[in-house]
Amino acid sequence: MLFVGWALGILSSPITDAIRRRSVKRRITRAIRTELLALQDALAMVVLQIARHRGTLSYSLLEAVMSTLRTSGHVPGVSRALKMSEDLLATDVGTVAQPATGDAPPSRALLSLRVPGVPFIVAHLHRLDFYDHETQRQMLEIRAGTQAFEQIGEEAGRYYFMTFREGIDIEHMATLMGHLEQCYERAAEKASELVSQVAALLQSREMSVR
């Protein structure tokens, strides 16, 4: 009995630690999933809004966005991008690309490129050792991609506000608007890339909270 008690005393600490780590990992995973779903939804909205702005919104794009969001765990009534996609699919408005005409002046409204980011992941980088190397790599890749997207948004904002300078000539205005449109194009590409990366991570075994 002394030997059994001694053995149980030795094993109790690792067992308790393993249970604690599993419980903490489950709570962290649940929070990360919530954060990634919010980020993915905001990025999908960016993709849709820029596509509408550039006249490239199509049924295939809407269906692809809806499929990605649903497989990632989004539900109707919560996801803004999912609702927007469903609404647009239910009508012909905005779902067919409209060629731009030379008569229509460019819109001066700045498209929203703000996304929530991943502050929880950043604040818990020291806890990433709960996950395997591939999951850590995916999380860090999403964090870096989000930072790159935010830089594009800041660049777009600078070009936009430069168009309001006093005394700006037509040629300079056209150049600034061209740079702004390039920022939109790059933002849409990066947002689409991040939506796919988040989807891959959310569907991984380690991100399951069951």
Protein backbone atom coordinates (compact mmCIF):
# COMPACT_ATOMS: atom_id res chain seq x y z
CA MET A 1 0.00 0.00 0.00
CA LEU A 2 2.89 2.33 0.66
CA PHE A 3 4.21 1.63 -2.84
CA VAL A 4 0.79 2.27 -4.40
CA GLY A 5 0.42 5.51 -2.44
CA TRP A 6 3.88 6.60 -3.52
CA ALA A 7 3.10 5.83 -7.18
CA LEU A 8 -0.22 7.67 -7.06
CA GLY A 9 1.49 10.67 -5.50
CA ILE A 10 3.99 10.79 -8.35
CA LEU A 11 1.32 10.39 -11.05
CA SER A 12 -1.26 12.75 -9.57
CA SER A 13 0.64 15.93 -10.47
CA PRO A 14 1.07 15.14 -14.22
CA ILE A 15 -2.53 13.95 -14.46
CA THR A 16 -3.84 17.10 -12.76
CA ASP A 17 -1.64 19.26 -14.98
CA ALA A 18 -2.87 17.48 -18.13
CA ILE A 19 -6.51 17.99 -17.11
CA ARG A 20 -5.87 21.64 -16.37
CA ARG A 21 -4.10 22.21 -19.68
CA ARG A 22 -6.94 20.53 -21.58
CA SER A 23 -9.50 22.74 -19.82
CA VAL A 24 -7.51 25.92 -20.47
CA LYS A 25 -6.93 24.96 -24.11
CA ARG A 26 -10.66 24.39 -24.59
CA ARG A 27 -11.48 27.86 -23.23
CA ILE A 28 -8.78 29.51 -25.35
CA THR A 29 -9.88 27.65 -28.45
CA ARG A 30 -13.47 28.76 -27.94
CA ALA A 31 -12.35 32.40 -27.66
CA ILE A 32 -10.07 32.13 -30.70
CA ARG A 33 -12.89 30.60 -32.76
CA THR A 34 -15.17 33.51 -31.83
CA GLU A 35 -12.49 36.02 -32.77
CA LEU A 36 -11.69 34.31 -36.08
CA LEU A 37 -15.38 34.08 -37.03
CA ALA A 38 -15.79 37.83 -36.45
CA LEU A 39 -12.64 38.55 -38.47
CA GLN A 40 -13.71 36.28 -41.32
CA ASP A 41 -17.17 37.85 -41.47
CA ALA A 42 -15.68 41.38 -41.65
CA LEU A 43 -13.21 40.33 -44.35
CA ALA A 44 -15.97 38.70 -46.39
CA MET A 45 -17.92 41.97 -46.19
CA VAL A 46 -14.85 43.76 -47.59
CA VAL A 47 -14.68 41.31 -50.49
CA LEU A 48 -18.35 41.84 -51.32
CA GLN A 49 -18.29 45.63 -50.97
CA ILE A 50 -15.21 46.05 -53.16
CA ALA A 51 -16.66 43.68 -55.76
CA ARG A 52 -19.83 45.80 -55.90
CA HIS A 53 -17.76 48.98 -56.09
CA ARG A 54 -15.63 47.65 -58.96
CA GLY A 55 -18.57 46.08 -60.80
CA THR A 56 -17.23 42.54 -60.48
CA LEU A 57 -19.85 41.07 -58.16
CA SER A 58 -21.20 37.81 -59.58
CA TYR A 59 -23.35 34.85 -58.60
CA SER A 60 -20.29 32.61 -58.48
CA LEU A 61 -18.54 34.95 -56.03
CA LEU A 62 -21.62 35.15 -53.80
CA GLU A 63 -22.02 31.38 -53.77
CA ALA A 64 -18.32 30.88 -52.99
CA VAL A 65 -18.50 33.34 -50.09
CA MET A 66 -21.65 31.70 -48.71
CA SER A 67 -20.15 28.21 -48.97
CA THR A 68 -16.95 29.25 -47.19
CA LEU A 69 -18.81 31.03 -44.40
CA ARG A 70 -21.21 28.14 -43.81
CA THR A 71 -18.47 25.50 -43.68
CA SER A 72 -16.59 27.75 -41.23
CA GLY A 73 -19.54 27.74 -38.83
CA HIS A 74 -21.38 30.98 -39.60
CA VAL A 75 -25.15 30.95 -39.23
CA PRO A 76 -27.85 33.18 -40.76
CA GLY A 77 -28.90 36.04 -38.54
CA VAL A 78 -25.42 36.42 -37.06
CA SER A 79 -23.10 36.75 -40.06
CA ARG A 80 -23.50 40.07 -41.87
CA ALA A 81 -21.67 38.80 -44.94
CA LEU A 82 -23.82 35.68 -45.11
CA LYS A 83 -27.01 37.74 -44.89
CA MET A 84 -25.76 40.17 -47.53
CA SER A 85 -24.87 37.30 -49.86
CA GLU A 86 -28.27 35.65 -49.39
CA ASP A 87 -30.07 38.95 -49.98
CA LEU A 88 -28.12 39.62 -53.17
CA LEU A 89 -28.71 36.09 -54.45
CA ALA A 90 -32.44 36.57 -53.90
CA THR A 91 -32.48 39.51 -56.32
CA ASP A 92 -30.77 40.51 -59.52
CA VAL A 93 -29.64 43.79 -58.00
CA GLY A 94 -25.86 43.99 -57.85
CA THR A 95 -25.20 40.36 -58.77
CA VAL A 96 -24.22 40.98 -62.38
CA ALA A 97 -21.14 43.01 -63.11
CA GLN A 98 -22.04 46.41 -64.53
CA PRO A 99 -19.51 47.87 -66.97
CA ALA A 100 -18.33 51.31 -65.97
CA THR A 101 -19.18 54.18 -68.31
CA GLY A 102 -17.10 57.24 -68.98
CA ASP A 103 -19.96 59.50 -67.93
CA ALA A 104 -20.27 58.34 -64.31
CA PRO A 105 -17.98 60.22 -61.90
CA PRO A 106 -15.97 58.07 -59.47
CA SER A 107 -17.50 57.70 -56.05
CA ARG A 108 -15.87 59.91 -53.39
CA ALA A 109 -17.07 57.75 -50.51
CA LEU A 110 -14.26 55.78 -48.88
CA LEU A 111 -15.02 52.07 -48.67
CA SER A 112 -14.72 50.66 -45.16
CA LEU A 113 -11.61 48.52 -44.82
CA ARG A 114 -11.75 48.24 -41.04
CA VAL A 115 -11.64 44.74 -39.57
CA PRO A 116 -11.50 43.67 -35.90
CA GLY A 117 -8.09 42.02 -36.16
CA VAL A 118 -6.94 39.27 -33.77
CA PRO A 119 -6.24 41.01 -30.43
CA PHE A 120 -6.99 37.87 -28.39
CA ILE A 121 -4.46 35.80 -30.33
CA VAL A 122 -1.88 38.58 -30.00
CA ALA A 123 -2.49 38.81 -26.25
CA HIS A 124 -2.13 35.04 -25.86
CA LEU A 125 0.87 34.33 -28.08
CA HIS A 126 2.55 32.76 -25.05
CA ARG A 127 -0.27 30.19 -24.95
CA LEU A 128 0.21 28.96 -28.52
CA ASP A 129 2.31 26.11 -27.19
CA PHE A 130 -1.02 24.41 -26.41
CA TYR A 131 -1.30 23.75 -30.17
CA ASP A 132 0.80 21.78 -32.63
CA HIS A 133 3.29 23.52 -34.93
CA GLU A 134 0.97 23.60 -37.96
CA THR A 135 -1.84 25.28 -36.02
CA GLN A 136 0.62 27.79 -34.57
CA ARG A 137 1.89 28.54 -38.07
CA GLN A 138 -1.64 29.11 -39.36
CA MET A 139 -2.48 31.48 -36.49
CA LEU A 140 0.70 33.50 -36.96
CA GLU A 141 0.12 33.61 -40.71
CA ILE A 142 -3.38 35.00 -40.17
CA ARG A 143 -2.02 37.56 -37.72
CA ALA A 144 0.63 38.70 -40.23
CA GLY A 145 -1.95 38.80 -43.03
CA THR A 146 -4.28 40.91 -40.91
CA GLN A 147 -1.48 43.37 -40.22
CA ALA A 148 -0.73 43.59 -43.95
CA PHE A 149 -4.43 44.18 -44.66
CA GLU A 150 -4.58 46.97 -42.08
CA GLN A 151 -1.58 48.64 -43.74
CA ILE A 152 -3.42 48.59 -47.08
CA GLY A 153 -6.44 50.17 -45.38
CA GLU A 154 -4.27 52.93 -43.90
CA GLU A 155 -2.70 53.55 -47.31
CA ALA A 156 -6.14 53.80 -48.92
CA GLY A 157 -7.21 56.29 -46.25
CA ARG A 158 -4.18 58.49 -46.94
CA TYR A 159 -4.87 58.59 -50.68
CA TYR A 160 -8.54 59.31 -50.04
CA PHE A 161 -7.93 62.29 -47.76
CA MET A 162 -5.30 63.66 -50.13
CA THR A 163 -8.06 64.11 -52.72
CA PHE A 164 -9.58 66.84 -50.52
CA ARG A 165 -6.53 69.09 -50.57
CA GLU A 166 -7.18 72.61 -51.75
CA GLY A 167 -6.06 73.54 -55.24
CA ILE A 168 -5.59 69.95 -56.42
CA ASP A 169 -5.71 69.70 -60.23
CA ILE A 170 -7.67 67.17 -62.27
CA GLU A 171 -4.60 65.19 -63.29
CA HIS A 172 -3.37 64.84 -59.71
CA MET A 173 -6.88 63.89 -58.60
CA ALA A 174 -7.03 61.16 -61.25
CA THR A 175 -3.65 59.82 -60.09
CA LEU A 176 -4.78 59.69 -56.46
CA MET A 177 -8.04 57.97 -57.38
CA GLY A 178 -6.05 55.45 -59.41
CA HIS A 179 -3.86 54.69 -56.39
CA LEU A 180 -6.99 54.38 -54.24
CA GLU A 181 -8.51 51.87 -56.66
CA GLN A 182 -5.27 49.87 -56.60
CA CYS A 183 -5.51 49.77 -52.80
CA TYR A 184 -9.06 48.45 -53.09
CA GLU A 185 -7.91 45.74 -55.47
CA ARG A 186 -5.07 44.68 -53.17
CA ALA A 187 -7.38 44.82 -50.14
CA ALA A 188 -9.91 42.54 -51.85
CA GLU A 189 -7.18 40.04 -52.76
CA LYS A 190 -5.73 40.00 -49.25
CA ALA A 191 -9.20 39.79 -47.65
CA SER A 192 -10.14 36.85 -49.89
CA GLU A 193 -6.86 35.11 -49.03
CA LEU A 194 -7.45 35.61 -45.30
CA VAL A 195 -11.05 34.36 -45.52
CA SER A 196 -9.70 31.10 -46.97
CA GLN A 197 -6.92 30.85 -44.38
CA VAL A 198 -9.35 31.37 -41.51
CA ALA A 199 -11.69 28.75 -43.01
CA ALA A 200 -8.86 26.21 -43.16
CA LEU A 201 -7.91 26.87 -39.53
CA LEU A 202 -11.48 26.75 -38.22
CA GLN A 203 -12.05 23.39 -39.89
CA SER A 204 -8.91 21.85 -38.41
CA ARG A 205 -9.16 19.18 -35.73
CA GLU A 206 -7.41 21.27 -33.09
CA MET A 207 -9.88 24.13 -33.39
CA SER A 208 -12.82 21.90 -32.55
CA VAL A 209 -14.30 22.67 -29.13
CA ARG A 210 -16.26 19.45 -28.81
